[in-house]
Amino acid sequence: MKCPYCGSARIEEGVSWGKASESGNVGLKYDAGVFSGVVQAYSDLCLDCKCILKTYIKDDTNKNWSHNPGSLGSV
């Protein structure tokens, strides 16, 4: 894979998104009945120009994806 912006082949693939102080939920939010969940997100990163080339999940995509902003449990 090459970066479409700078042409570099130095791509770090599958970098997982972290959590702020390991206490928050970061990722794509979905509704599961009365509960909500977050799916872990991953990105491919160009190590030269620092561009995020692609962001994706590895989980099943057959979910009721939330389009509402905010953290889990917020209204």
N, C-alpha and C. Protein backbone atom coordinates (compact mmCIF):
# COMPACT_ATOMS: atom_id res chain seq x y z
N MET A 1 0.85 -1.17 0.00
CA MET A 1 0.00 0.00 0.00
C MET A 1 0.90 1.24 0.00
N LYS A 2 0.52 2.22 -0.75
CA LYS A 2 1.23 3.50 -0.77
C LYS A 2 0.27 4.62 -0.39
N CYS A 3 0.81 5.64 0.24
CA CYS A 3 0.02 6.80 0.62
C CYS A 3 -0.34 7.59 -0.63
N PRO A 4 -1.63 7.87 -0.84
CA PRO A 4 -2.02 8.63 -2.03
C PRO A 4 -1.64 10.11 -1.95
N TYR A 5 -1.22 10.58 -0.77
CA TYR A 5 -0.90 11.98 -0.58
C TYR A 5 0.58 12.29 -0.77
N CYS A 6 1.45 11.41 -0.22
CA CYS A 6 2.89 11.68 -0.32
C CYS A 6 3.66 10.59 -1.06
N GLY A 7 3.00 9.47 -1.36
CA GLY A 7 3.64 8.38 -2.10
C GLY A 7 4.46 7.43 -1.26
N SER A 8 4.52 7.64 0.03
CA SER A 8 5.31 6.80 0.92
C SER A 8 4.72 5.40 1.02
N ALA A 9 5.60 4.42 1.17
CA ALA A 9 5.17 3.04 1.41
C ALA A 9 5.28 2.70 2.89
N ARG A 10 5.64 3.67 3.70
CA ARG A 10 5.75 3.44 5.14
C ARG A 10 4.39 3.63 5.80
N ILE A 11 3.60 2.58 5.74
CA ILE A 11 2.23 2.61 6.26
C ILE A 11 2.14 1.64 7.43
N GLU A 12 1.69 2.14 8.56
CA GLU A 12 1.42 1.29 9.72
C GLU A 12 -0.05 0.92 9.67
N GLU A 13 -0.32 -0.37 9.50
CA GLU A 13 -1.70 -0.84 9.34
C GLU A 13 -2.26 -1.36 10.65
N GLY A 14 -3.56 -1.17 10.84
CA GLY A 14 -4.27 -1.76 11.97
C GLY A 14 -3.96 -1.14 13.32
N VAL A 15 -3.70 0.17 13.34
CA VAL A 15 -3.44 0.85 14.61
C VAL A 15 -4.78 1.02 15.32
N SER A 16 -4.89 0.48 16.53
CA SER A 16 -6.17 0.54 17.25
C SER A 16 -6.35 1.88 17.92
N TRP A 17 -7.58 2.35 17.95
CA TRP A 17 -7.90 3.61 18.62
C TRP A 17 -7.88 3.34 20.12
N GLY A 18 -7.36 4.28 20.88
CA GLY A 18 -7.27 4.12 22.33
C GLY A 18 -8.40 4.82 23.05
N LYS A 19 -8.25 4.86 24.33
CA LYS A 19 -9.22 5.51 25.20
C LYS A 19 -8.49 6.57 26.02
N ALA A 20 -9.15 7.67 26.29
CA ALA A 20 -8.57 8.70 27.13
C ALA A 20 -8.44 8.16 28.55
N SER A 21 -7.23 8.02 29.04
CA SER A 21 -6.96 7.50 30.39
C SER A 21 -7.61 6.13 30.61
N GLU A 22 -7.85 5.40 29.52
CA GLU A 22 -8.47 4.07 29.58
C GLU A 22 -9.81 4.09 30.30
N SER A 23 -10.51 5.24 30.28
CA SER A 23 -11.78 5.31 31.00
C SER A 23 -12.96 5.62 30.08
N GLY A 24 -12.70 6.13 28.89
CA GLY A 24 -13.79 6.50 27.99
C GLY A 24 -13.98 5.49 26.89
N ASN A 25 -15.08 5.61 26.18
CA ASN A 25 -15.37 4.72 25.07
C ASN A 25 -15.14 5.47 23.77
N VAL A 26 -14.26 4.95 22.92
CA VAL A 26 -13.95 5.57 21.64
C VAL A 26 -14.22 4.55 20.55
N GLY A 27 -14.95 4.95 19.52
CA GLY A 27 -15.24 4.06 18.42
C GLY A 27 -16.61 4.36 17.86
N LEU A 28 -17.11 3.48 17.02
CA LEU A 28 -18.41 3.66 16.40
C LEU A 28 -19.50 3.15 17.34
N LYS A 29 -20.48 4.01 17.61
CA LYS A 29 -21.52 3.69 18.58
C LYS A 29 -22.71 3.02 17.89
N TYR A 30 -23.31 2.05 18.58
CA TYR A 30 -24.51 1.39 18.08
C TYR A 30 -25.49 1.18 19.22
N ASP A 31 -26.76 1.04 18.87
CA ASP A 31 -27.82 0.78 19.84
C ASP A 31 -28.14 -0.70 19.83
N ALA A 32 -28.30 -1.26 21.03
CA ALA A 32 -28.65 -2.67 21.18
C ALA A 32 -29.79 -2.76 22.18
N GLY A 33 -30.98 -2.38 21.75
CA GLY A 33 -32.13 -2.37 22.65
C GLY A 33 -32.02 -1.23 23.63
N VAL A 34 -32.05 -1.54 24.93
CA VAL A 34 -31.94 -0.50 25.95
C VAL A 34 -30.48 -0.11 26.21
N PHE A 35 -29.56 -0.87 25.66
CA PHE A 35 -28.14 -0.62 25.86
C PHE A 35 -27.51 -0.04 24.60
N SER A 36 -26.35 0.58 24.77
CA SER A 36 -25.54 1.05 23.66
C SER A 36 -24.18 0.39 23.76
N GLY A 37 -23.52 0.28 22.63
CA GLY A 37 -22.18 -0.29 22.61
C GLY A 37 -21.28 0.50 21.70
N VAL A 38 -20.00 0.20 21.76
CA VAL A 38 -19.01 0.83 20.90
C VAL A 38 -18.15 -0.26 20.30
N VAL A 39 -17.94 -0.16 18.99
CA VAL A 39 -17.10 -1.10 18.28
C VAL A 39 -15.70 -0.51 18.16
N GLN A 40 -14.69 -1.30 18.44
CA GLN A 40 -13.30 -0.87 18.33
C GLN A 40 -12.99 -0.43 16.89
N ALA A 41 -12.34 0.72 16.76
CA ALA A 41 -11.97 1.24 15.45
C ALA A 41 -10.45 1.10 15.26
N TYR A 42 -10.05 0.92 14.00
CA TYR A 42 -8.65 0.79 13.62
C TYR A 42 -8.37 1.74 12.46
N SER A 43 -7.12 2.18 12.34
CA SER A 43 -6.74 3.06 11.23
C SER A 43 -5.42 2.61 10.64
N ASP A 44 -5.23 2.92 9.35
CA ASP A 44 -3.95 2.77 8.68
C ASP A 44 -3.33 4.16 8.60
N LEU A 45 -2.09 4.31 9.04
CA LEU A 45 -1.44 5.60 9.23
C LEU A 45 -0.18 5.69 8.38
N CYS A 46 -0.03 6.79 7.63
CA CYS A 46 1.21 7.06 6.91
C CYS A 46 2.21 7.60 7.92
N LEU A 47 3.35 6.95 8.03
CA LEU A 47 4.36 7.35 9.00
C LEU A 47 5.15 8.57 8.54
N ASP A 48 5.04 8.93 7.28
CA ASP A 48 5.78 10.09 6.78
C ASP A 48 4.96 11.37 6.83
N CYS A 49 3.77 11.39 6.23
CA CYS A 49 2.98 12.63 6.23
C CYS A 49 1.93 12.66 7.33
N LYS A 50 1.85 11.57 8.10
CA LYS A 50 0.97 11.47 9.28
C LYS A 50 -0.52 11.48 8.96
N CYS A 51 -0.86 11.13 7.73
CA CYS A 51 -2.25 11.09 7.30
C CYS A 51 -2.90 9.76 7.69
N ILE A 52 -4.12 9.82 8.18
CA ILE A 52 -4.89 8.60 8.41
C ILE A 52 -5.51 8.23 7.07
N LEU A 53 -5.09 7.10 6.53
CA LEU A 53 -5.51 6.70 5.19
C LEU A 53 -6.85 6.01 5.18
N LYS A 54 -7.11 5.22 6.18
CA LYS A 54 -8.36 4.47 6.22
C LYS A 54 -8.69 4.17 7.67
N THR A 55 -9.96 4.25 8.01
CA THR A 55 -10.45 3.86 9.33
C THR A 55 -11.50 2.79 9.13
N TYR A 56 -11.44 1.75 9.94
CA TYR A 56 -12.34 0.61 9.74
C TYR A 56 -12.56 -0.14 11.04
N ILE A 57 -13.52 -1.06 11.00
CA ILE A 57 -13.79 -1.95 12.12
C ILE A 57 -13.60 -3.38 11.64
N LYS A 58 -13.46 -4.29 12.58
CA LYS A 58 -13.31 -5.70 12.24
C LYS A 58 -14.54 -6.51 12.66
N ASP A 59 -15.46 -5.86 13.37
CA ASP A 59 -16.67 -6.52 13.85
C ASP A 59 -17.71 -6.65 12.75
N ASP A 60 -18.77 -7.34 13.08
CA ASP A 60 -19.94 -7.46 12.20
C ASP A 60 -20.55 -6.08 11.99
N THR A 61 -20.94 -5.77 10.78
CA THR A 61 -21.52 -4.45 10.48
C THR A 61 -23.05 -4.45 10.55
N ASN A 62 -23.64 -5.59 10.85
CA ASN A 62 -25.10 -5.69 10.93
C ASN A 62 -25.55 -5.25 12.33
N LYS A 63 -25.50 -3.94 12.55
CA LYS A 63 -25.88 -3.36 13.84
C LYS A 63 -26.79 -2.17 13.60
N ASN A 64 -27.44 -1.73 14.64
CA ASN A 64 -28.27 -0.53 14.58
C ASN A 64 -27.37 0.66 14.94
N TRP A 65 -26.66 1.19 13.94
CA TRP A 65 -25.67 2.24 14.15
C TRP A 65 -26.32 3.53 14.62
N SER A 66 -25.72 4.16 15.61
CA SER A 66 -26.23 5.41 16.15
C SER A 66 -25.69 6.59 15.35
N HIS A 67 -26.55 7.55 15.08
CA HIS A 67 -26.17 8.78 14.39
C HIS A 67 -26.24 9.98 15.33
N ASN A 68 -26.42 9.70 16.62
CA ASN A 68 -26.50 10.77 17.62
C ASN A 68 -25.13 11.00 18.24
N PRO A 69 -24.69 12.26 18.35
CA PRO A 69 -23.41 12.54 18.97
C PRO A 69 -23.48 12.34 20.48
N GLY A 70 -22.34 12.30 21.10
CA GLY A 70 -22.27 12.18 22.56
C GLY A 70 -21.69 10.85 22.99
N SER A 71 -21.39 10.77 24.27
CA SER A 71 -20.82 9.56 24.82
C SER A 71 -21.91 8.57 25.19
N LEU A 72 -21.52 7.37 25.53
CA LEU A 72 -22.49 6.36 25.93
C LEU A 72 -23.27 6.85 27.14
N GLY A 73 -24.55 6.65 27.12
CA GLY A 73 -25.39 7.03 28.23
C GLY A 73 -25.85 8.48 28.21
N SER A 74 -25.32 9.28 27.27
CA SER A 74 -25.75 10.68 27.21
C SER A 74 -27.01 10.80 26.39
N VAL A 75 -27.75 11.85 26.63
CA VAL A 75 -29.01 12.06 25.91
C VAL A 75 -28.76 12.92 24.69
